[in-house]
Amino acid sequence: MATLDPGATGRRPAERRRRASPLLMTVPEAGRKYFGLGKNASYDAARQGIIPTIKTGKKRQRVPVAACERLHQQARSTLEK
């Protein structure tokens, strides 16, 4: 039987979770990475539907990375034409 660390919560540290290839990002992370926006501008863009979001709780919104990658690719192909 394994001994348990009394201070352990059973969760992975935040650093390890973020290093894995995420499927979802926070709104500010996506706004900064894909659109060069700050926190408030990112939430405004999400509210207007510019940044695609999904609800993961009552108020929590997350941005699917695949959707942002598609938007980014579409913008690139439009600029190349």
Foldseek 3Di string as FASTA:
>chain_A
DDDDDPPDPPDDDPVVVVVPDDQKAAQQVLCCVQPVDHDVVSVVCCVVVVQPWDDPDPPGIIGGPVVSVVVSVVVVVVVVD
